[in-house]
Amino acid sequence: MDPVIAQVNAVFQISIAIILLGSLVFKKKRRYFLHGAMMLVAVVLNVVSFLFVMLPSLLGLEIIRTQPLHVFSIVALAHACVGAVSMILGAWIVGSWHLQSSTVNCVKRRIIMRLVLILWLLALVVGIVLYMFLYTNF
């Protein structure tokens, strides 16, 4: 992948993390509609990034095909799996919410929401490490 695209995507992912964490401020203030709307924005932006940057990048990593047991291949695939699970669960949560003003269904999914946040942040950190390995002198 072009290093400039990788750098733009890294900044994009950090921006999504800021949106995600910013949505938690609205949750704390009990502004659930704004919390949900920001989560929707974060999920949509992440899906766009996945489809146009991350998936093509993963599929283009020759080391995964040639050396699937190499530590880099294992870490890249683990990153992809954790990221995919968090993205799918995040899309499911946002999709099932439908920007409702009621919080009844949200309370039921609180544990899953926390799990998604943890998985997404884990995928972000591992993605940053992979970026540093590929595009810096790390």
Protein backbone atom coordinates (compact mmCIF):
# COMPACT_ATOMS: atom_id res chain seq x y z
CA MET A 1 0.00 0.00 0.00
CA ASP A 2 1.10 3.53 -0.70
CA PRO A 3 2.58 4.98 2.52
CA VAL A 4 0.61 8.22 2.06
CA ILE A 5 -2.67 6.29 1.94
CA ALA A 6 -1.60 4.33 5.01
CA GLN A 7 -0.78 7.55 6.85
CA VAL A 8 -4.09 9.17 5.87
CA ASN A 9 -5.93 6.04 7.02
CA ALA A 10 -4.06 6.04 10.35
CA VAL A 11 -5.14 9.65 10.95
CA PHE A 12 -8.65 8.73 9.80
CA GLN A 13 -8.80 5.85 12.29
CA ILE A 14 -7.59 8.06 15.13
CA SER A 15 -10.26 10.59 14.15
CA ILE A 16 -12.86 7.83 14.34
CA ALA A 17 -11.55 6.95 17.81
CA ILE A 18 -12.00 10.59 18.86
CA ILE A 19 -15.59 10.52 17.54
CA LEU A 20 -16.19 7.25 19.36
CA LEU A 21 -14.79 8.55 22.63
CA GLY A 22 -16.60 11.86 22.14
CA SER A 23 -19.86 9.96 21.86
CA LEU A 24 -19.25 8.66 25.36
CA VAL A 25 -19.43 12.24 26.64
CA PHE A 26 -22.96 12.48 25.26
CA LYS A 27 -23.79 9.13 26.85
CA LYS A 28 -22.59 10.39 30.24
CA LYS A 29 -24.74 13.50 29.80
CA ARG A 30 -27.72 11.25 28.95
CA ARG A 31 -27.92 12.72 25.45
CA TYR A 32 -28.51 9.28 23.98
CA PHE A 33 -29.66 10.39 20.55
CA LEU A 34 -26.41 12.32 19.99
CA HIS A 35 -24.43 9.40 21.42
CA GLY A 36 -26.10 7.03 18.98
CA ALA A 37 -25.72 9.42 16.04
CA MET A 38 -22.00 9.77 16.69
CA MET A 39 -21.66 6.01 16.98
CA LEU A 40 -23.43 5.68 13.63
CA VAL A 41 -20.97 8.13 12.09
CA ALA A 42 -18.02 6.20 13.58
CA VAL A 43 -19.33 2.87 12.27
CA VAL A 44 -20.02 4.22 8.77
CA LEU A 45 -16.60 5.87 8.56
CA ASN A 46 -14.94 2.67 9.75
CA VAL A 47 -16.79 0.56 7.16
CA VAL A 48 -15.72 2.98 4.41
CA SER A 49 -12.11 2.80 5.60
CA PHE A 50 -12.31 -0.98 5.79
CA LEU A 51 -13.71 -1.39 2.28
CA PHE A 52 -11.44 1.08 0.51
CA VAL A 53 -8.17 0.83 2.46
CA MET A 54 -7.85 -1.91 5.05
CA LEU A 55 -9.30 -4.89 3.16
CA PRO A 56 -7.32 -4.18 -0.04
CA SER A 57 -4.21 -3.70 2.09
CA LEU A 58 -4.74 -7.00 3.88
CA LEU A 59 -5.37 -8.85 0.63
CA GLY A 60 -2.23 -7.28 -0.85
CA LEU A 61 0.11 -8.46 1.91
CA GLU A 62 2.13 -11.12 0.15
CA ILE A 63 3.72 -12.30 3.40
CA ILE A 64 0.37 -13.67 4.55
CA ARG A 65 0.19 -15.92 1.49
CA THR A 66 3.85 -16.90 1.44
CA GLN A 67 4.56 -17.12 5.18
CA PRO A 68 1.24 -17.55 7.02
CA LEU A 69 2.98 -18.57 10.27
CA HIS A 70 5.31 -15.57 10.33
CA VAL A 71 4.69 -13.41 13.41
CA PHE A 72 3.73 -10.43 11.22
CA SER A 73 1.16 -12.54 9.34
CA ILE A 74 -0.35 -13.81 12.59
CA VAL A 75 -0.55 -10.31 14.08
CA ALA A 76 -2.03 -8.86 10.86
CA LEU A 77 -4.67 -11.60 10.70
CA ALA A 78 -5.46 -11.22 14.40
CA HIS A 79 -5.86 -7.46 13.85
CA ALA A 80 -8.16 -8.14 10.90
CA CYS A 81 -10.28 -10.63 12.87
CA VAL A 82 -10.63 -8.42 15.96
CA GLY A 83 -11.38 -5.41 13.77
CA ALA A 84 -13.95 -7.32 11.73
CA VAL A 85 -15.74 -8.61 14.83
CA SER A 86 -15.87 -5.12 16.35
CA MET A 87 -17.07 -3.62 13.07
CA ILE A 88 -19.79 -6.23 12.58
CA LEU A 89 -20.99 -5.98 16.18
CA GLY A 90 -20.87 -2.18 16.04
CA ALA A 91 -22.92 -2.17 12.83
CA TRP A 92 -25.41 -4.59 14.41
CA ILE A 93 -25.79 -2.43 17.52
CA VAL A 94 -26.19 0.79 15.56
CA GLY A 95 -28.48 -0.89 13.02
CA SER A 96 -30.72 -2.37 15.68
CA TRP A 97 -30.96 0.95 17.47
CA HIS A 98 -32.37 2.85 14.42
CA LEU A 99 -31.63 6.20 16.11
CA GLN A 100 -34.39 5.65 18.66
CA SER A 101 -34.72 8.11 21.50
CA SER A 102 -35.65 5.32 23.92
CA THR A 103 -32.83 3.70 25.85
CA VAL A 104 -34.67 0.48 26.73
CA ASN A 105 -32.87 -1.63 24.11
CA CYS A 106 -29.52 0.06 24.76
CA VAL A 107 -29.49 -0.98 28.40
CA LYS A 108 -29.93 -4.60 27.34
CA ARG A 109 -26.89 -4.35 25.06
CA ARG A 110 -24.60 -2.47 27.43
CA ILE A 111 -22.20 -5.41 27.90
CA ILE A 112 -21.93 -5.97 24.15
CA MET A 113 -21.33 -2.24 23.63
CA ARG A 114 -18.47 -2.29 26.12
CA LEU A 115 -17.02 -5.39 24.46
CA VAL A 116 -17.19 -3.68 21.05
CA LEU A 117 -15.41 -0.61 22.43
CA ILE A 118 -12.65 -2.75 23.91
CA LEU A 119 -12.27 -4.81 20.72
CA TRP A 120 -12.28 -1.70 18.54
CA LEU A 121 -9.62 0.01 20.66
CA LEU A 122 -7.53 -3.19 20.67
CA ALA A 123 -7.78 -3.37 16.87
CA LEU A 124 -6.79 0.32 16.67
CA VAL A 125 -3.70 -0.18 18.85
CA VAL A 126 -2.60 -3.28 16.93
CA GLY A 127 -3.27 -1.43 13.66
CA ILE A 128 -1.03 1.42 14.80
CA VAL A 129 1.71 -1.08 15.67
CA LEU A 130 1.36 -2.72 12.24
CA TYR A 131 1.50 0.71 10.60
CA MET A 132 4.66 1.56 12.53
CA PHE A 133 6.23 -1.77 11.55
CA LEU A 134 5.40 -1.32 7.87
CA TYR A 135 5.95 2.40 7.36
CA THR A 136 8.42 3.64 10.00
CA ASN A 137 11.77 2.57 11.35
CA PHE A 138 10.06 0.90 14.31
